[in-house]
C-alpha atoms as a PDB file:
ATOM      1  CA  UNK A   1      -3.291 -15.896   9.554  1.00  0.00           C
ATOM      2  CA  UNK A   2      -4.122 -19.133   7.131  1.00  0.00           C
ATOM      3  CA  UNK A   3      -8.115 -18.992   7.346  1.00  0.00           C
ATOM      4  CA  UNK A   4      -8.146 -15.673   5.740  1.00  0.00           C
ATOM      5  CA  UNK A   5      -5.857 -16.594   3.366  1.00  0.00           C
ATOM      6  CA  UNK A   6      -7.180 -19.570   1.314  1.00  0.00           C
ATOM      7  CA  UNK A   7      -5.453 -20.360  -1.508  1.00  0.00           C
ATOM      8  CA  UNK A   8      -6.608 -23.832  -3.207  1.00  0.00           C
ATOM      9  CA  UNK A   9      -3.719 -26.475  -2.579  1.00  0.00           C
ATOM     10  CA  UNK A  10      -2.891 -27.021  -5.579  1.00  0.00           C
ATOM     11  CA  UNK A  11      -2.640 -23.136  -7.149  1.00  0.00           C
ATOM     12  CA  UNK A  12       0.301 -23.289  -3.719  1.00  0.00           C
ATOM     13  CA  UNK A  13       1.924 -26.263  -4.597  1.00  0.00           C
ATOM     14  CA  UNK A  14       2.686 -25.732  -8.029  1.00  0.00           C
ATOM     15  CA  UNK A  15       4.171 -22.264  -7.021  1.00  0.00           C
ATOM     16  CA  UNK A  16       6.639 -24.571  -5.155  1.00  0.00           C
ATOM     17  CA  UNK A  17       5.467 -23.561  -1.457  1.00  0.00           C
ATOM     18  CA  UNK A  18       5.015 -25.673   1.410  1.00  0.00           C
ATOM     19  CA  UNK A  19       1.779 -23.509   3.210  1.00  0.00           C
ATOM     20  CA  UNK A  20       0.013 -19.855   3.179  1.00  0.00           C
ATOM     21  CA  UNK A  21       2.006 -20.201   6.557  1.00  0.00           C
ATOM     22  CA  UNK A  22       5.736 -20.543   5.163  1.00  0.00           C
ATOM     23  CA  UNK A  23       5.130 -17.113   2.543  1.00  0.00           C
ATOM     24  CA  UNK A  24       4.022 -14.951   5.656  1.00  0.00           C
ATOM     25  CA  UNK A  25       5.487 -13.727   8.425  1.00  0.00           C
ATOM     26  CA  UNK A  26       4.130 -10.986  11.243  1.00  0.00           C
ATOM     27  CA  UNK A  27       5.631  -7.922  10.656  1.00  0.00           C
ATOM     28  CA  UNK A  28       5.753  -7.309  14.566  1.00  0.00           C
ATOM     29  CA  UNK A  29       8.588 -10.122  14.249  1.00  0.00           C
ATOM     30  CA  UNK A  30      10.869  -7.877  12.429  1.00  0.00           C
ATOM     31  CA  UNK A  31      10.014  -4.262  13.681  1.00  0.00           C
ATOM     32  CA  UNK A  32       9.518  -5.118  17.147  1.00  0.00           C
ATOM     33  CA  UNK A  33       8.119  -1.500  17.672  1.00  0.00           C
ATOM     34  CA  UNK A  34       5.810  -1.367  14.490  1.00  0.00           C
ATOM     35  CA  UNK A  35       2.267  -0.005  15.763  1.00  0.00           C
ATOM     36  CA  UNK A  36      -0.887   0.354  14.055  1.00  0.00           C
ATOM     37  CA  UNK A  37      -0.033   4.098  14.445  1.00  0.00           C
ATOM     38  CA  UNK A  38       3.358   3.948  12.531  1.00  0.00           C
ATOM     39  CA  UNK A  39       1.788   2.275   9.377  1.00  0.00           C
ATOM     40  CA  UNK A  40      -0.711   4.867   8.974  1.00  0.00           C
ATOM     41  CA  UNK A  41       1.868   6.892   8.853  1.00  0.00           C
ATOM     42  CA  UNK A  42       4.587   5.369   6.501  1.00  0.00           C
ATOM     43  CA  UNK A  43       0.664   4.243   4.110  1.00  0.00           C
ATOM     44  CA  UNK A  44      -0.110   8.335   4.103  1.00  0.00           C
ATOM     45  CA  UNK A  45       3.725   8.862   3.100  1.00  0.00           C
ATOM     46  CA  UNK A  46       3.890   6.339   0.650  1.00  0.00           C
ATOM     47  CA  UNK A  47       0.827   7.696  -1.025  1.00  0.00           C
ATOM     48  CA  UNK A  48       1.633  10.791  -0.990  1.00  0.00           C
ATOM     49  CA  UNK A  49       4.818  10.709  -2.254  1.00  0.00           C
ATOM     50  CA  UNK A  50       3.116   7.835  -5.259  1.00  0.00           C
ATOM     51  CA  UNK A  51       0.137  11.769  -5.850  1.00  0.00           C
ATOM     52  CA  UNK A  52       3.188  13.549  -5.411  1.00  0.00           C
ATOM     53  CA  UNK A  53       4.396  11.667  -8.605  1.00  0.00           C
ATOM     54  CA  UNK A  54       1.792  10.891 -10.516  1.00  0.00           C
ATOM     55  CA  UNK A  55       0.985  15.107  -9.990  1.00  0.00           C
ATOM     56  CA  UNK A  56       4.027  15.623 -11.814  1.00  0.00           C
ATOM     57  CA  UNK A  57       2.885  13.112 -14.535  1.00  0.00           C
ATOM     58  CA  UNK A  58      -0.982  15.043 -14.905  1.00  0.00           C
ATOM     59  CA  UNK A  59       0.463  18.410 -15.251  1.00  0.00           C
ATOM     60  CA  UNK A  60       0.692  18.892 -18.909  1.00  0.00           C
ATOM     61  CA  UNK A  61      -3.048  17.588 -19.584  1.00  0.00           C
ATOM     62  CA  UNK A  62      -5.720  19.517 -19.349  1.00  0.00           C
ATOM     63  CA  UNK A  63      -8.073  15.917 -19.477  1.00  0.00           C
ATOM     64  CA  UNK A  64      -6.691  15.732 -16.572  1.00  0.00           C
ATOM     65  CA  UNK A  65      -7.208  18.732 -14.354  1.00  0.00           C
ATOM     66  CA  UNK A  66      -9.897  17.232 -11.911  1.00  0.00           C
ATOM     67  CA  UNK A  67      -7.944  14.298 -10.961  1.00  0.00           C
ATOM     68  CA  UNK A  68      -5.565  16.879 -10.001  1.00  0.00           C
ATOM     69  CA  UNK A  69      -7.466  19.151  -8.535  1.00  0.00           C
ATOM     70  CA  UNK A  70      -8.740  16.005  -6.004  1.00  0.00           C
ATOM     71  CA  UNK A  71      -5.152  15.069  -4.769  1.00  0.00           C
ATOM     72  CA  UNK A  72      -3.938  18.153  -4.382  1.00  0.00           C
ATOM     73  CA  UNK A  73      -6.975  19.043  -2.063  1.00  0.00           C
ATOM     74  CA  UNK A  74      -5.989  16.138  -0.586  1.00  0.00           C
ATOM     75  CA  UNK A  75      -2.478  16.164   0.226  1.00  0.00           C
ATOM     76  CA  UNK A  76      -3.413  19.418   1.525  1.00  0.00           C
ATOM     77  CA  UNK A  77      -5.228  18.070   4.133  1.00  0.00           C
ATOM     78  CA  UNK A  78      -2.400  15.562   4.620  1.00  0.00           C
ATOM     79  CA  UNK A  79      -0.409  19.036   5.855  1.00  0.00           C
ATOM     80  CA  UNK A  80      -2.834  20.018   8.313  1.00  0.00           C
END
């Protein structure tokens, strides 16, 4: 994992961190039943909630019509 998370030693030390490995954990250690499927589901649900929140902010703004249409289209596809 450390080879993919390359940070300068000086930067790590300036934050008071011993190493990248000291700050990284394998998610499977926290949730034994974790799978790629559950991660995808959680990611899709998070995106859906974020888009719904953004939609509620944009609805009264006429300049955002295209963005609203794109978001609503994505949300409809998620319900299939």
